[in-house]
Amino acid sequence: MKLSPNQLREEIQRVTSNNYRQFVKRCSLKNIRGFRDQVIEFKAPVTALIGTNGGGKSTILGAAALAYKDVKPGQFFPKSYIGDTSMSDWVVEYLLVDKPKSPSQNIERTARFAQAKWRRDDFPERHVEYVEIQRTVPAGELPKYRRFLGANNPSIVESNLSPETRTYAGAILDKDISHYRVVHLPDNPENKMYVGATTASMVAPTSVGYSQFHFGAGEASVIATVDRIESAPDNSLILIEEVENGLHPVAVRLMVQYLMSVARRKRHQIIFTTHSQDAVDELPPEAVWASINKRVWNGQLSIESLRAITGEVPNERVVFVEDDFVREWVENAISRFGSGLAETTRVFKAGGYPNVLQVSKYHNDNPTTVVPSVALVDGDIYDPTTAQDLPPHAKYLGDGTPESIVFDYVFDHRTELVSILRQRCLLSGFDEDRILAAIESVRYSACDPHTVFVELSRRLDFSSAVHIRSGMIDIYNEKNQDYWKDVVEFVRGGQA
């Protein structure tokens, strides 16, 4: 199910070039539940919304749904006659791809709450599948399943799961569900219940059937979610609340991999909310939006970094960097050269430039923050003739791609370093000539600098890219103390 890096790039390019029949490209939230002129651009077919509780994830999900007139606004933004006095100023502005209405240009629409109702003039139609949080509530507690209780009902319609549901839900659950079935009443085919069975074995030679009333929460959630996505017509908008709910971390990763593959296969646009780092880690940075205190940022922010942004790490220095590689690189350097600085400093990834600057500024503007943060910006955007000055809380990390700085140093000194590389990168299963040949092959292949450690792993029989990366970082830092002198002092002082 997992898409390759090339396939991921193709799908992002498909969104960029508007190569969709229908797609929510952008929505701007004005005065909605505390949002003030916040713009979310959907840059990938699958988008994760992360953030603190009450930060606004579900509001963004609902705003995306309102782009289509098939959705009743009250499902996401109900109006109470007690307390909801501020909805009169709510506005959502959209930029949409809608080839049936406009084959060559994107269209703009505005949803406005006025005179006690939502106004959505000339909004397009599109199938919207909303997978709500109630999917993990036990079936016995949901009114829609009560009609399946009691004595035999001869009118129940029974059928097999679709081949796609069996394949993909089974892969996520890591079990054979080919013998599972789906049932519904003739007058309500949308109200489905699933029926499973234990697998026969030597211990229990006869399988035992059981209904969804006795499913585990994760089992029911996965089968229902996959079945609804597979049953939805192509080019649908799929909205999922808390994709990880009820799932083991491994199943969460497999679920997100499935979402990316089905978005490619059926041309769906999928948006989900999550608190799971496992879910976020499966996505490219373009596909992650963080909503914190009704402010939004795009980039692969970690769930852990959200605590730092909101000032929940009050007594430590905070350093924001762009990605995991730089986080490990900086942590190693601070530990090695910081003279005790590591004990009071935490490094968080906050996404690419300029997002890393905005996150650090927001942290520093937070009145609850005790210790200000700094941002370290990758040097690959640095050009001494054209580069913009960074704010006082930010500093460039050299003048090149961080991965290239480390790898190129190792390459230039490969002969003298090969024995220590073999040790620190945990490559004792390879002789030095093989390691040298692999390093030279990667260097001469002119691959993307961000993939050099993965490429080296492939050439060394898929040895751990993480160990290779960590070993090379450690060697570079050991040999280049001068590189880090100004950076360490900057982190210690918190100013340029």
Protein backbone atom coordinates (compact mmCIF):
# COMPACT_ATOMS: atom_id res chain seq x y z
CA MET A 1 0.00 0.00 0.00
CA LYS A 2 2.84 2.40 0.76
CA LEU A 3 3.57 4.88 -2.03
CA SER A 4 7.12 5.34 -3.22
CA PRO A 5 8.81 8.77 -2.95
CA ASN A 6 8.32 9.24 -6.70
CA GLN A 7 4.63 8.44 -6.41
CA LEU A 8 4.27 10.92 -3.54
CA ARG A 9 5.88 13.63 -5.65
CA GLU A 10 3.59 12.77 -8.56
CA GLU A 11 0.51 13.12 -6.37
CA ILE A 12 1.62 16.47 -4.96
CA GLN A 13 2.36 17.67 -8.49
CA ARG A 14 -1.10 16.51 -9.55
CA VAL A 15 -2.60 18.81 -6.92
CA THR A 16 -0.31 21.69 -7.91
CA SER A 17 -1.31 21.38 -11.58
CA ASN A 18 -5.04 21.10 -10.73
CA ASN A 19 -5.21 17.65 -12.30
CA TYR A 20 -8.34 16.70 -10.37
CA ARG A 21 -11.99 16.70 -11.33
CA GLN A 22 -12.82 18.34 -8.00
CA PHE A 23 -10.55 19.48 -5.19
CA VAL A 24 -10.63 21.91 -2.28
CA LYS A 25 -7.47 23.92 -2.93
CA ARG A 26 -7.82 26.55 -0.24
CA CYS A 27 -10.16 27.72 2.46
CA SER A 28 -9.94 30.93 4.46
CA LEU A 29 -11.60 31.06 7.88
CA LYS A 30 -12.82 34.42 9.09
CA ASN A 31 -14.30 34.91 12.57
CA ILE A 32 -15.18 31.22 12.99
CA ARG A 33 -14.73 29.79 16.48
CA GLY A 34 -11.87 32.17 17.18
CA PHE A 35 -10.14 31.91 13.77
CA ARG A 36 -9.22 35.30 12.31
CA ASP A 37 -8.21 35.33 8.63
CA GLN A 38 -6.43 31.98 8.71
CA VAL A 39 -5.72 30.36 5.33
CA ILE A 40 -5.27 26.62 4.79
CA GLU A 41 -3.95 25.43 1.43
CA PHE A 42 -4.46 21.75 0.66
CA LYS A 43 -1.27 20.81 -1.19
CA ALA A 44 -1.57 17.02 -1.18
CA PRO A 45 -4.38 14.52 -1.79
CA VAL A 46 -4.17 13.41 1.86
CA THR A 47 -3.92 16.07 4.57
CA ALA A 48 -3.46 15.62 8.32
CA LEU A 49 -4.74 18.24 10.75
CA ILE A 50 -2.86 18.16 14.06
CA GLY A 51 -2.97 20.41 17.08
CA THR A 52 -3.83 20.88 20.70
CA ASN A 53 -7.27 20.06 22.08
CA GLY A 54 -9.55 22.94 21.16
CA GLY A 55 -6.97 24.23 18.70
CA GLY A 56 -9.36 24.16 15.74
CA LYS A 57 -8.78 20.88 13.87
CA SER A 58 -12.46 19.94 13.65
CA THR A 59 -13.36 23.48 12.62
CA ILE A 60 -11.05 23.21 9.58
CA LEU A 61 -12.50 19.77 8.78
CA GLY A 62 -16.02 21.18 8.89
CA ALA A 63 -15.05 24.21 6.82
CA ALA A 64 -13.75 21.89 4.07
CA ALA A 65 -17.05 19.99 4.11
CA LEU A 66 -19.09 23.18 3.63
CA ALA A 67 -17.50 23.67 0.20
CA TYR A 68 -20.19 21.38 -1.23
CA LYS A 69 -23.93 21.86 -1.06
CA ASP A 70 -24.55 18.14 -0.45
CA VAL A 71 -23.40 18.74 3.15
CA LYS A 72 -25.82 20.16 5.69
CA PRO A 73 -23.97 22.92 7.60
CA GLY A 74 -25.65 21.97 10.87
CA GLN A 75 -23.77 18.67 10.84
CA PHE A 76 -20.55 20.55 11.54
CA PHE A 77 -21.70 23.98 12.76
CA PRO A 78 -25.04 23.61 14.57
CA LYS A 79 -26.71 26.82 15.75
CA SER A 80 -28.03 26.89 19.28
CA TYR A 81 -30.46 29.59 20.33
CA ILE A 82 -28.64 29.71 23.65
CA GLY A 83 -25.04 30.90 23.65
CA ASP A 84 -24.35 30.95 19.88
CA THR A 85 -24.74 34.69 19.40
CA SER A 86 -21.50 35.25 17.47
CA MET A 87 -22.15 33.21 14.31
CA SER A 88 -23.47 36.16 12.32
CA ASP A 89 -19.95 37.16 11.27
CA TRP A 90 -18.76 33.70 10.23
CA VAL A 91 -17.30 33.48 6.72
CA VAL A 92 -15.41 30.78 4.81
CA GLU A 93 -13.87 31.62 1.44
CA TYR A 94 -12.90 28.84 -0.97
CA LEU A 95 -10.73 28.25 -3.98
CA LEU A 96 -11.95 25.08 -5.70
CA VAL A 97 -11.04 22.92 -8.64
CA ASP A 98 -14.35 21.99 -10.24
CA LYS A 99 -13.97 20.84 -13.85
CA PRO A 100 -17.74 20.33 -14.42
CA LYS A 101 -18.35 24.02 -13.65
CA SER A 102 -15.10 25.49 -14.93
CA PRO A 103 -12.85 23.19 -17.00
CA SER A 104 -9.92 25.60 -17.28
CA GLN A 105 -9.98 27.85 -14.19
CA ASN A 106 -10.43 27.44 -10.47
CA ILE A 107 -13.60 28.86 -8.96
CA GLU A 108 -14.09 30.99 -5.86
CA ARG A 109 -17.03 30.66 -3.51
CA THR A 110 -17.99 32.20 -0.15
CA ALA A 111 -20.04 30.58 2.60
CA ARG A 112 -21.52 33.13 4.97
CA PHE A 113 -23.69 32.76 8.05
CA ALA A 114 -26.33 35.49 7.79
CA GLN A 115 -29.87 35.88 9.12
CA ALA A 116 -29.63 32.71 11.20
CA LYS A 117 -28.63 30.44 8.31
CA TRP A 118 -25.71 29.59 6.06
CA ARG A 119 -25.71 31.22 2.61
CA ARG A 120 -23.94 29.19 -0.05
CA ASP A 121 -24.94 30.46 -3.46
CA ASP A 122 -24.09 28.35 -6.51
CA PHE A 123 -21.95 25.88 -4.57
CA PRO A 124 -20.95 22.72 -6.44
CA GLU A 125 -22.12 19.19 -5.74
CA ARG A 126 -19.71 16.47 -4.65
CA HIS A 127 -19.96 13.30 -2.63
CA VAL A 128 -18.63 13.94 0.88
CA GLU A 129 -18.02 10.96 3.16
CA TYR A 130 -17.70 11.97 6.82
CA VAL A 131 -16.20 9.24 9.02
CA GLU A 132 -17.15 10.48 12.45
CA ILE A 133 -15.57 9.75 15.82
CA GLN A 134 -18.56 7.60 16.85
CA ARG A 135 -17.25 4.74 14.67
CA THR A 136 -15.35 3.37 17.68
CA VAL A 137 -18.31 3.50 20.07
CA PRO A 138 -19.46 -0.09 20.83
CA ALA A 139 -22.30 -1.08 18.52
CA GLY A 140 -24.54 -1.88 21.49
CA GLU A 141 -24.45 1.78 22.53
CA LEU A 142 -25.49 3.22 19.16
CA PRO A 143 -29.20 3.60 18.34
CA LYS A 144 -28.70 2.81 14.64
CA TYR A 145 -27.84 -0.81 15.48
CA ARG A 146 -30.83 -1.52 17.72
CA ARG A 147 -32.86 -2.88 14.82
CA PHE A 148 -30.34 -5.72 14.53
CA LEU A 149 -30.98 -6.84 18.11
CA GLY A 150 -33.34 -9.60 19.18
CA ALA A 151 -34.81 -12.57 17.37
CA ASN A 152 -34.15 -13.58 13.77
CA ASN A 153 -35.19 -11.05 11.18
CA PRO A 154 -35.74 -12.81 7.83
CA SER A 155 -35.73 -9.53 5.93
CA ILE A 156 -32.05 -8.78 6.66
CA VAL A 157 -29.97 -8.55 3.49
CA GLU A 158 -26.57 -10.22 3.73
CA SER A 159 -23.62 -9.95 1.35
CA ASN A 160 -19.85 -10.39 1.22
CA LEU A 161 -17.45 -7.55 1.81
CA SER A 162 -16.11 -6.05 -1.40
CA PRO A 163 -12.77 -7.48 -2.58
CA GLU A 164 -11.13 -4.09 -1.92
CA THR A 165 -12.46 -3.91 1.63
CA ARG A 166 -11.31 -7.47 2.34
CA THR A 167 -7.85 -6.77 0.93
CA TYR A 168 -7.09 -3.40 2.49
CA ALA A 169 -8.91 -3.74 5.82
CA GLY A 170 -7.32 -7.15 6.23
CA ALA A 171 -3.87 -5.69 5.55
CA ILE A 172 -4.36 -2.96 8.16
CA LEU A 173 -5.67 -5.42 10.75
CA ASP A 174 -3.09 -8.06 9.76
CA LYS A 175 -5.75 -10.79 9.66
CA ASP A 176 -7.80 -12.72 7.16
CA ILE A 177 -11.30 -11.21 6.91
CA SER A 178 -12.30 -12.94 3.67
CA HIS A 179 -15.09 -14.75 5.56
CA TYR A 180 -16.56 -11.54 7.07
CA ARG A 181 -19.92 -10.30 5.80
CA VAL A 182 -22.00 -7.16 5.82
CA VAL A 183 -25.73 -7.01 6.63
CA HIS A 184 -28.40 -4.33 6.36
CA LEU A 185 -32.17 -3.94 6.41
CA PRO A 186 -33.95 -3.54 3.06
CA ASP A 187 -35.29 -0.10 3.89
CA ASN A 188 -31.91 1.32 4.96
CA PRO A 189 -28.93 -0.03 2.98
CA GLU A 190 -26.65 2.68 4.36
CA ASN A 191 -27.04 1.41 7.92
CA LYS A 192 -24.61 -1.50 7.73
CA MET A 193 -23.48 -3.93 10.38
CA TYR A 194 -20.54 -6.29 9.98
CA VAL A 195 -20.41 -9.96 10.90
CA GLY A 196 -17.17 -11.84 11.50
CA ALA A 197 -15.97 -15.26 12.54
CA THR A 198 -13.04 -16.76 14.35
CA THR A 199 -10.54 -18.70 12.26
CA ALA A 200 -10.62 -22.48 12.57
CA SER A 201 -7.45 -24.02 14.00
CA MET A 202 -6.19 -27.20 15.60
CA VAL A 203 -7.15 -25.81 18.99
CA ALA A 204 -10.62 -24.72 17.82
CA PRO A 205 -11.42 -26.71 14.66
CA THR A 206 -14.78 -25.01 14.17
CA SER A 207 -15.02 -21.28 13.46
CA VAL A 208 -17.42 -19.26 15.60
CA GLY A 209 -19.45 -16.43 14.14
CA TYR A 210 -19.95 -13.13 15.93
CA SER A 211 -21.57 -9.80 15.09
CA GLN A 212 -20.24 -6.26 15.30
CA PHE A 213 -21.70 -6.12 18.81
CA HIS A 214 -18.68 -8.20 19.81
CA PHE A 215 -16.00 -6.62 17.59
CA GLY A 216 -13.05 -4.83 19.09
CA ALA A 217 -13.19 -1.05 18.62
CA GLY A 218 -10.23 -1.03 16.25
CA GLU A 219 -11.56 -3.94 14.18
CA ALA A 220 -14.93 -2.27 13.68
CA SER A 221 -13.35 1.10 12.94
CA VAL A 222 -10.97 -0.20 10.27
CA ILE A 223 -13.52 -2.33 8.43
CA ALA A 224 -16.20 0.38 8.47
CA THR A 225 -13.78 3.13 7.42
CA VAL A 226 -12.26 1.16 4.55
CA ASP A 227 -15.67 -0.06 3.40
CA ARG A 228 -17.07 3.47 3.32
CA ILE A 229 -14.05 4.83 1.43
CA GLU A 230 -14.13 2.00 -1.11
CA SER A 231 -17.89 2.38 -1.57
CA ALA A 232 -17.67 6.14 -2.12
CA PRO A 233 -17.63 7.21 -5.78
CA ASP A 234 -14.31 8.28 -7.29
CA ASN A 235 -13.31 11.92 -6.70
CA SER A 236 -15.07 12.06 -3.32
CA LEU A 237 -14.06 14.22 -0.38
CA ILE A 238 -13.33 11.94 2.59
CA LEU A 239 -13.23 13.49 6.08
CA ILE A 240 -12.07 11.41 9.06
CA GLU A 241 -12.08 12.43 12.71
CA GLU A 242 -9.12 11.14 14.77
CA VAL A 243 -7.86 8.53 12.33
CA GLU A 244 -5.93 6.71 15.05
CA ASN A 245 -8.89 6.19 17.38
CA GLY A 246 -8.89 2.61 18.69
CA LEU A 247 -5.88 1.55 16.60
CA HIS A 248 -2.49 0.11 17.50
CA PRO A 249 0.42 2.38 16.35
CA VAL A 250 1.36 -0.11 13.61
CA ALA A 251 -2.23 -0.13 12.37
CA VAL A 252 -2.22 3.69 12.38
CA ARG A 253 0.76 3.73 10.02
CA LEU A 254 -0.85 1.14 7.77
CA MET A 255 -4.12 3.09 7.76
CA VAL A 256 -2.39 6.28 6.60
CA GLN A 257 -0.49 4.33 3.95
CA TYR A 258 -3.84 2.97 2.78
CA LEU A 259 -5.34 6.47 2.67
CA MET A 260 -2.53 7.69 0.42
CA SER A 261 -2.85 4.69 -1.88
CA VAL A 262 -6.64 4.90 -2.17
CA ALA A 263 -6.44 8.65 -2.82
CA ARG A 264 -4.17 7.85 -5.76
CA ARG A 265 -6.30 4.96 -6.99
CA LYS A 266 -9.74 6.58 -6.68
CA ARG A 267 -8.73 10.26 -6.95
CA HIS A 268 -10.18 11.00 -3.53
CA GLN A 269 -9.24 14.03 -1.48
CA ILE A 270 -8.83 12.91 2.14
CA ILE A 271 -8.53 15.13 5.21
CA PHE A 272 -8.18 13.70 8.71
CA THR A 273 -7.57 14.98 12.22
CA THR A 274 -5.09 13.22 14.48
CA HIS A 275 -3.07 13.34 17.69
CA SER A 276 -0.81 10.51 16.50
CA GLN A 277 2.83 11.05 15.62
CA ASP A 278 2.75 7.69 13.82
CA ALA A 279 0.15 9.11 11.43
CA VAL A 280 2.09 12.33 10.85
CA ASP A 281 5.35 10.49 10.17
CA GLU A 282 3.81 8.74 7.15
CA LEU A 283 3.12 12.02 5.34
CA PRO A 284 5.29 14.55 3.49
CA PRO A 285 5.58 18.02 5.08
CA GLU A 286 3.19 19.55 2.53
CA ALA A 287 0.44 17.29 3.83
CA VAL A 288 0.52 18.36 7.50
CA TRP A 289 -1.23 21.41 8.97
CA ALA A 290 -1.01 22.30 12.64
CA SER A 291 -3.77 24.31 14.29
CA ILE A 292 -2.81 25.81 17.64
CA ASN A 293 -4.92 28.36 19.44
CA LYS A 294 -6.73 29.15 16.16
CA ARG A 295 -3.47 29.78 14.27
CA VAL A 296 -2.32 27.48 11.47
CA TRP A 297 1.07 26.34 10.18
CA ASN A 298 1.98 24.05 7.31
CA GLY A 299 4.84 21.59 7.75
CA GLN A 300 5.77 18.35 9.44
CA LEU A 301 5.53 19.60 12.98
CA SER A 302 5.84 16.80 15.50
CA ILE A 303 3.13 16.27 18.10
CA GLU A 304 5.82 16.82 20.73
CA SER A 305 6.78 20.18 19.24
CA LEU A 306 3.25 21.48 19.77
CA ARG A 307 3.89 21.48 23.52
CA ALA A 308 6.92 23.68 23.01
CA ILE A 309 5.10 26.07 20.67
CA THR A 310 2.35 26.63 23.21
CA GLY A 311 4.79 27.19 26.08
CA GLU A 312 4.30 23.83 27.79
CA VAL A 313 8.09 23.40 28.04
CA PRO A 314 8.57 26.49 30.22
CA ASN A 315 11.91 25.98 31.95
CA GLU A 316 14.09 24.85 29.08
CA ARG A 317 15.70 26.46 26.08
CA VAL A 318 13.81 25.59 22.92
CA VAL A 319 15.39 25.29 19.49
CA PHE A 320 13.23 24.89 16.39
CA VAL A 321 14.73 23.32 13.26
CA GLU A 322 13.31 22.20 9.95
CA ASP A 323 13.46 18.39 10.04
CA ASP A 324 14.58 15.25 11.84
CA PHE A 325 18.07 15.21 10.34
CA VAL A 326 18.91 18.68 11.60
CA ARG A 327 17.31 17.92 14.97
CA GLU A 328 19.70 14.98 15.45
CA TRP A 329 22.64 16.97 14.07
CA VAL A 330 22.04 19.89 16.43
CA GLU A 331 21.35 17.70 19.46
CA ASN A 332 24.62 15.88 18.89
CA ALA A 333 26.54 19.13 18.60
CA ILE A 334 24.98 20.70 21.70
CA SER A 335 25.69 17.56 23.70
CA ARG A 336 29.28 17.43 22.43
CA PHE A 337 30.23 21.12 22.62
CA GLY A 338 27.60 22.75 24.86
CA SER A 339 29.32 22.32 28.24
CA GLY A 340 26.11 21.38 30.06
CA LEU A 341 23.78 23.18 27.63
CA ALA A 342 22.17 19.89 26.53
CA GLU A 343 20.58 19.35 29.95
CA THR A 344 18.49 22.53 29.61
CA THR A 345 17.87 22.56 25.86
CA ARG A 346 15.33 20.73 23.71
CA VAL A 347 15.30 20.66 19.93
CA PHE A 348 12.06 20.29 17.94
CA LYS A 349 11.38 20.01 14.24
CA ALA A 350 8.92 22.62 13.00
CA GLY A 351 8.84 22.20 9.23
CA GLY A 352 10.62 24.04 6.47
CA TYR A 353 11.43 27.70 5.93
CA PRO A 354 9.69 30.09 6.60
CA ASN A 355 7.47 27.96 8.85
CA VAL A 356 10.30 27.39 11.32
CA LEU A 357 10.62 31.17 11.79
CA GLN A 358 6.89 31.66 12.31
CA VAL A 359 6.70 28.86 14.87
CA SER A 360 9.60 30.29 16.86
CA LYS A 361 8.10 33.78 16.77
CA TYR A 362 4.74 32.47 17.97
CA HIS A 363 6.48 30.67 20.84
CA ASN A 364 8.30 33.86 21.84
CA ASP A 365 5.13 35.97 21.58
CA ASN A 366 3.32 33.60 23.95
CA PRO A 367 3.01 35.47 27.29
CA THR A 368 3.33 32.19 29.22
CA THR A 369 6.77 31.46 27.74
CA VAL A 370 9.60 31.81 30.27
CA VAL A 371 12.60 31.00 28.08
CA PRO A 372 12.56 32.31 24.47
CA SER A 373 13.19 29.99 21.53
CA VAL A 374 15.58 30.26 18.61
CA ALA A 375 15.27 28.97 15.05
CA LEU A 376 18.06 27.37 13.04
CA VAL A 377 17.43 27.65 9.31
CA ASP A 378 18.89 25.25 6.73
CA GLY A 379 21.64 26.90 4.71
CA ASP A 380 20.34 25.60 1.37
CA ILE A 381 18.32 28.78 0.93
CA TYR A 382 21.27 30.99 1.88
CA ASP A 383 22.78 33.23 -0.78
CA PRO A 384 25.04 36.00 0.56
CA THR A 385 24.01 38.27 -2.34
CA THR A 386 20.25 37.86 -2.12
CA ALA A 387 19.43 36.25 1.24
CA GLN A 388 17.05 38.17 3.45
CA ASP A 389 18.17 39.07 6.93
CA LEU A 390 16.83 36.69 9.53
CA PRO A 391 15.09 37.99 12.65
CA PRO A 392 17.14 38.17 15.87
CA HIS A 393 15.80 34.81 17.06
CA ALA A 394 17.06 32.92 13.97
CA LYS A 395 20.39 31.88 12.45
CA TYR A 396 21.52 30.08 9.30
CA LEU A 397 23.18 26.68 9.66
CA GLY A 398 26.03 27.24 7.23
CA ASP A 399 25.43 27.79 3.53
CA GLY A 400 24.36 24.42 2.14
CA THR A 401 21.98 21.52 2.54
CA PRO A 402 22.68 19.98 5.99
CA GLU A 403 22.75 16.42 4.66
CA SER A 404 25.24 17.46 1.96
CA ILE A 405 27.50 19.19 4.46
CA VAL A 406 27.84 16.00 6.48
CA PHE A 407 27.97 13.53 3.60
CA ASP A 408 30.36 15.58 1.49
CA TYR A 409 32.79 15.87 4.40
CA VAL A 410 32.70 12.12 4.86
CA PHE A 411 33.21 11.59 1.13
CA ASP A 412 36.17 13.99 0.97
CA HIS A 413 37.84 12.16 3.89
CA ARG A 414 36.48 8.70 3.18
CA THR A 415 39.83 6.90 3.01
CA GLU A 416 41.03 8.09 6.39
CA LEU A 417 37.58 7.70 7.99
CA VAL A 418 36.49 4.33 6.59
CA SER A 419 37.51 2.26 9.61
CA ILE A 420 35.69 4.53 12.05
CA LEU A 421 32.68 4.67 9.67
CA ARG A 422 32.53 0.89 9.74
CA GLN A 423 32.36 1.02 13.53
CA ARG A 424 30.02 3.95 14.21
CA CYS A 425 27.57 3.23 11.40
CA LEU A 426 27.31 -0.40 12.60
CA LEU A 427 28.60 -1.78 9.30
CA SER A 428 30.87 -4.49 10.69
CA GLY A 429 29.36 -6.95 8.22
CA PHE A 430 31.06 -5.17 5.31
CA ASP A 431 34.74 -4.80 4.49
CA GLU A 432 36.19 -1.33 4.02
CA ASP A 433 36.39 -1.58 0.24
CA ARG A 434 32.68 -2.31 0.03
CA ILE A 435 31.87 0.69 2.23
CA LEU A 436 34.11 2.98 0.18
CA ALA A 437 32.54 1.77 -3.07
CA ALA A 438 29.04 2.42 -1.72
CA ILE A 439 29.93 5.96 -0.57
CA GLU A 440 31.47 6.75 -3.96
CA SER A 441 28.47 5.31 -5.80
CA VAL A 442 26.07 7.52 -3.87
CA ARG A 443 28.24 10.60 -4.35
CA TYR A 444 28.58 10.12 -8.11
CA SER A 445 24.88 9.31 -8.60
CA ALA A 446 23.96 12.96 -7.87
CA CYS A 447 20.88 11.87 -5.94
CA ASP A 448 18.68 14.22 -3.92
CA PRO A 449 20.79 15.35 -0.91
CA HIS A 450 17.91 14.54 1.41
CA THR A 451 18.03 10.86 0.39
CA VAL A 452 21.79 10.17 0.56
CA PHE A 453 21.59 8.04 3.70
CA VAL A 454 18.69 5.98 2.33
CA GLU A 455 20.60 5.49 -0.93
CA LEU A 456 23.69 4.40 0.98
CA SER A 457 21.55 1.97 2.96
CA ARG A 458 20.28 0.42 -0.27
CA ARG A 459 23.81 -0.09 -1.57
CA LEU A 460 24.78 -1.80 1.67
CA ASP A 461 22.05 -4.44 1.59
CA PHE A 462 19.54 -2.18 3.33
CA SER A 463 21.57 -1.67 6.48
CA SER A 464 19.84 0.78 8.79
CA ALA A 465 19.78 4.25 7.27
CA VAL A 466 19.21 5.60 10.80
CA HIS A 467 22.46 4.04 12.05
CA ILE A 468 24.36 5.28 8.99
CA ARG A 469 23.01 8.79 9.46
CA SER A 470 23.76 8.85 13.19
CA GLY A 471 27.27 7.54 12.69
CA MET A 472 28.14 10.11 10.03
CA ILE A 473 26.67 12.94 12.11
CA ASP A 474 28.77 11.87 15.07
CA ILE A 475 31.95 11.71 12.98
CA TYR A 476 31.32 15.08 11.31
CA ASN A 477 30.69 16.84 14.59
CA GLU A 478 33.72 15.26 16.24
CA LYS A 479 35.95 16.58 13.46
CA ASN A 480 34.35 20.03 13.03
CA GLN A 481 34.08 21.78 16.36
CA ASP A 482 34.70 25.20 14.75
CA TYR A 483 31.57 24.78 12.62
CA TRP A 484 29.45 24.72 15.78
CA LYS A 485 31.13 27.38 17.89
CA ASP A 486 28.87 30.29 16.85
CA VAL A 487 25.76 28.12 16.71
CA VAL A 488 26.21 26.84 20.26
CA GLU A 489 26.79 30.34 21.60
CA PHE A 490 23.72 31.54 19.70
CA VAL A 491 21.57 28.84 21.29
CA ARG A 492 23.02 29.63 24.71
CA GLY A 493 22.41 33.36 24.36
CA GLY A 494 19.17 33.19 22.36
CA GLN A 495 20.13 36.00 20.02
CA ALA A 496 22.10 36.56 16.81
